[in-house]
């Protein structure tokens, strides 16, 4: 298993990109594959904070979790971060069962995910 780079200290000078998963979707290999290009493009020029809305996720597959962790690795390897937000019982269950809170967390909403950024800058 690949090592993860710890979450960087980002300042408000870093660009913020929001990416939404389709409403009512399943987080599986296909869904993550559709996110790979936007995330890779967002971080191509350096550190960026990518906000991923998972509020519409109603199912999660093991390949979806693995792919999500890979997206997190891609963002962090470029000095940025991927912050997941939104109420998804399915994803929260997967995070709890797999103890992924040691790697990242699911924020309650867009403002909370981005608001954490503002508190780090002060």
C-alpha atoms as a PDB file:
ATOM      1  CA  UNK A   1       0.000   0.000   0.000  1.00  0.00           C
ATOM      2  CA  UNK A   2       1.285   3.446  -0.929  1.00  0.00           C
ATOM      3  CA  UNK A   3       2.288   5.864   1.813  1.00  0.00           C
ATOM      4  CA  UNK A   4       0.181   8.981   2.155  1.00  0.00           C
ATOM      5  CA  UNK A   5       1.621  12.445   2.423  1.00  0.00           C
ATOM      6  CA  UNK A   6       0.179  14.247   5.445  1.00  0.00           C
ATOM      7  CA  UNK A   7      -2.227  17.119   4.895  1.00  0.00           C
ATOM      8  CA  UNK A   8      -0.314  20.301   4.093  1.00  0.00           C
ATOM      9  CA  UNK A   9      -0.798  23.690   5.699  1.00  0.00           C
ATOM     10  CA  UNK A  10      -2.589  25.609   2.979  1.00  0.00           C
ATOM     11  CA  UNK A  11      -3.023  29.349   2.962  1.00  0.00           C
ATOM     12  CA  UNK A  12      -5.767  31.375   1.328  1.00  0.00           C
ATOM     13  CA  UNK A  13      -3.434  32.142  -1.577  1.00  0.00           C
ATOM     14  CA  UNK A  14      -3.984  28.597  -2.903  1.00  0.00           C
ATOM     15  CA  UNK A  15      -6.727  28.196  -5.500  1.00  0.00           C
ATOM     16  CA  UNK A  16      -9.861  26.280  -4.527  1.00  0.00           C
ATOM     17  CA  UNK A  17     -11.619  23.914  -6.931  1.00  0.00           C
ATOM     18  CA  UNK A  18     -14.997  22.351  -6.171  1.00  0.00           C
ATOM     19  CA  UNK A  19     -16.017  19.087  -7.827  1.00  0.00           C
ATOM     20  CA  UNK A  20     -19.475  17.587  -7.378  1.00  0.00           C
ATOM     21  CA  UNK A  21     -20.362  13.919  -7.676  1.00  0.00           C
ATOM     22  CA  UNK A  22     -23.649  13.297  -9.469  1.00  0.00           C
ATOM     23  CA  UNK A  23     -26.655  13.315  -7.147  1.00  0.00           C
ATOM     24  CA  UNK A  24     -27.857   9.858  -6.145  1.00  0.00           C
ATOM     25  CA  UNK A  25     -24.682   8.263  -7.405  1.00  0.00           C
ATOM     26  CA  UNK A  26     -22.631   5.314  -6.349  1.00  0.00           C
ATOM     27  CA  UNK A  27     -18.985   5.832  -5.495  1.00  0.00           C
ATOM     28  CA  UNK A  28     -17.366   3.067  -7.512  1.00  0.00           C
ATOM     29  CA  UNK A  29     -14.437   2.697  -9.913  1.00  0.00           C
ATOM     30  CA  UNK A  30     -16.346   4.398 -12.755  1.00  0.00           C
ATOM     31  CA  UNK A  31     -17.296   7.399 -10.598  1.00  0.00           C
ATOM     32  CA  UNK A  32     -13.732   7.839  -9.351  1.00  0.00           C
ATOM     33  CA  UNK A  33     -12.345   7.440 -12.859  1.00  0.00           C
ATOM     34  CA  UNK A  34     -14.579  10.330 -13.988  1.00  0.00           C
ATOM     35  CA  UNK A  35     -13.056  12.456 -11.188  1.00  0.00           C
ATOM     36  CA  UNK A  36      -9.427  11.610 -11.905  1.00  0.00           C
ATOM     37  CA  UNK A  37      -9.002  14.014 -14.834  1.00  0.00           C
ATOM     38  CA  UNK A  38     -10.585  17.048 -13.093  1.00  0.00           C
ATOM     39  CA  UNK A  39      -8.519  16.450  -9.942  1.00  0.00           C
ATOM     40  CA  UNK A  40      -5.295  15.856 -11.903  1.00  0.00           C
ATOM     41  CA  UNK A  41      -5.915  18.993 -13.979  1.00  0.00           C
ATOM     42  CA  UNK A  42      -6.668  21.051 -10.884  1.00  0.00           C
ATOM     43  CA  UNK A  43      -3.363  20.131  -9.209  1.00  0.00           C
ATOM     44  CA  UNK A  44      -1.216  20.164 -12.365  1.00  0.00           C
ATOM     45  CA  UNK A  45       0.107  23.678 -11.766  1.00  0.00           C
ATOM     46  CA  UNK A  46       0.788  23.281  -8.056  1.00  0.00           C
ATOM     47  CA  UNK A  47      -1.006  23.228  -4.725  1.00  0.00           C
ATOM     48  CA  UNK A  48      -4.767  23.502  -4.854  1.00  0.00           C
ATOM     49  CA  UNK A  49      -7.553  22.687  -2.450  1.00  0.00           C
ATOM     50  CA  UNK A  50     -10.066  20.381  -4.136  1.00  0.00           C
ATOM     51  CA  UNK A  51     -13.479  20.225  -2.457  1.00  0.00           C
ATOM     52  CA  UNK A  52     -15.438  17.083  -3.306  1.00  0.00           C
ATOM     53  CA  UNK A  53     -19.175  17.059  -2.584  1.00  0.00           C
ATOM     54  CA  UNK A  54     -20.331  13.532  -1.731  1.00  0.00           C
ATOM     55  CA  UNK A  55     -23.799  14.436  -0.452  1.00  0.00           C
ATOM     56  CA  UNK A  56     -25.435  12.523  -3.307  1.00  0.00           C
ATOM     57  CA  UNK A  57     -23.487   9.298  -2.743  1.00  0.00           C
ATOM     58  CA  UNK A  58     -25.878   6.492  -1.824  1.00  0.00           C
ATOM     59  CA  UNK A  59     -23.520   3.525  -2.205  1.00  0.00           C
ATOM     60  CA  UNK A  60     -19.810   2.826  -1.957  1.00  0.00           C
ATOM     61  CA  UNK A  61     -17.740   0.005  -3.433  1.00  0.00           C
ATOM     62  CA  UNK A  62     -14.248  -1.036  -2.293  1.00  0.00           C
ATOM     63  CA  UNK A  63     -12.828   0.177  -5.608  1.00  0.00           C
ATOM     64  CA  UNK A  64     -14.522   3.542  -5.020  1.00  0.00           C
ATOM     65  CA  UNK A  65     -12.831   3.925  -1.638  1.00  0.00           C
ATOM     66  CA  UNK A  66      -9.466   2.902  -3.107  1.00  0.00           C
ATOM     67  CA  UNK A  67      -9.896   5.376  -5.955  1.00  0.00           C
ATOM     68  CA  UNK A  68     -10.873   8.161  -3.566  1.00  0.00           C
ATOM     69  CA  UNK A  69      -7.725   7.529  -1.551  1.00  0.00           C
ATOM     70  CA  UNK A  70      -5.707   7.675  -4.767  1.00  0.00           C
ATOM     71  CA  UNK A  71      -7.246  11.074  -5.595  1.00  0.00           C
ATOM     72  CA  UNK A  72      -6.259  12.223  -2.119  1.00  0.00           C
ATOM     73  CA  UNK A  73      -2.698  10.997  -2.755  1.00  0.00           C
ATOM     74  CA  UNK A  74      -2.560  12.843  -6.090  1.00  0.00           C
ATOM     75  CA  UNK A  75      -3.669  16.133  -4.526  1.00  0.00           C
ATOM     76  CA  UNK A  76      -1.342  15.845  -1.528  1.00  0.00           C
ATOM     77  CA  UNK A  77       1.659  14.805  -3.623  1.00  0.00           C
ATOM     78  CA  UNK A  78       1.380  18.185  -5.391  1.00  0.00           C
ATOM     79  CA  UNK A  79       1.237  20.077  -2.085  1.00  0.00           C
ATOM     80  CA  UNK A  80      -2.545  20.449  -2.104  1.00  0.00           C
ATOM     81  CA  UNK A  81      -5.404  18.625  -0.456  1.00  0.00           C
ATOM     82  CA  UNK A  82      -8.671  16.887  -1.279  1.00  0.00           C
ATOM     83  CA  UNK A  83     -11.403  17.680   1.221  1.00  0.00           C
ATOM     84  CA  UNK A  84     -14.538  15.581   1.153  1.00  0.00           C
ATOM     85  CA  UNK A  85     -17.775  17.137   2.350  1.00  0.00           C
ATOM     86  CA  UNK A  86     -21.480  16.404   2.488  1.00  0.00           C
ATOM     87  CA  UNK A  87     -23.856  14.092   4.289  1.00  0.00           C
ATOM     88  CA  UNK A  88     -23.530  10.572   2.895  1.00  0.00           C
ATOM     89  CA  UNK A  89     -24.423   7.751   5.271  1.00  0.00           C
ATOM     90  CA  UNK A  90     -22.883   5.201   2.887  1.00  0.00           C
ATOM     91  CA  UNK A  91     -19.515   6.954   2.724  1.00  0.00           C
ATOM     92  CA  UNK A  92     -19.527   7.725   6.450  1.00  0.00           C
ATOM     93  CA  UNK A  93     -20.143   4.038   7.153  1.00  0.00           C
ATOM     94  CA  UNK A  94     -17.210   3.055   4.910  1.00  0.00           C
ATOM     95  CA  UNK A  95     -14.944   5.635   6.577  1.00  0.00           C
ATOM     96  CA  UNK A  96     -15.847   4.352  10.039  1.00  0.00           C
ATOM     97  CA  UNK A  97     -15.520   0.670   9.121  1.00  0.00           C
ATOM     98  CA  UNK A  98     -12.146   1.194   7.437  1.00  0.00           C
ATOM     99  CA  UNK A  99     -10.894   3.738   9.990  1.00  0.00           C
ATOM    100  CA  UNK A 100     -10.108   6.219   7.242  1.00  0.00           C
ATOM    101  CA  UNK A 101     -10.446   9.106   9.686  1.00  0.00           C
ATOM    102  CA  UNK A 102      -6.729   8.561  10.321  1.00  0.00           C
ATOM    103  CA  UNK A 103      -6.073   9.663   6.732  1.00  0.00           C
ATOM    104  CA  UNK A 104      -8.766  12.269   6.071  1.00  0.00           C
ATOM    105  CA  UNK A 105     -12.246  13.241   7.203  1.00  0.00           C
ATOM    106  CA  UNK A 106     -15.649  14.064   5.814  1.00  0.00           C
ATOM    107  CA  UNK A 107     -16.596  17.678   6.483  1.00  0.00           C
ATOM    108  CA  UNK A 108     -20.204  18.613   7.167  1.00  0.00           C
ATOM    109  CA  UNK A 109     -20.460  21.060   4.288  1.00  0.00           C
ATOM    110  CA  UNK A 110     -18.662  23.230   1.764  1.00  0.00           C
ATOM    111  CA  UNK A 111     -18.235  26.114   4.193  1.00  0.00           C
ATOM    112  CA  UNK A 112     -16.781  23.853   6.878  1.00  0.00           C
ATOM    113  CA  UNK A 113     -14.284  22.302   4.447  1.00  0.00           C
ATOM    114  CA  UNK A 114     -13.213  25.684   3.180  1.00  0.00           C
ATOM    115  CA  UNK A 115     -13.590  27.379   6.584  1.00  0.00           C
ATOM    116  CA  UNK A 116     -10.908  25.123   8.024  1.00  0.00           C
ATOM    117  CA  UNK A 117      -8.598  26.651   5.441  1.00  0.00           C
ATOM    118  CA  UNK A 118      -9.371  30.170   6.712  1.00  0.00           C
ATOM    119  CA  UNK A 119      -8.645  29.202  10.324  1.00  0.00           C
ATOM    120  CA  UNK A 120      -5.224  27.790   9.356  1.00  0.00           C
ATOM    121  CA  UNK A 121      -4.256  31.034   7.631  1.00  0.00           C
ATOM    122  CA  UNK A 122      -4.796  33.192  10.725  1.00  0.00           C
END
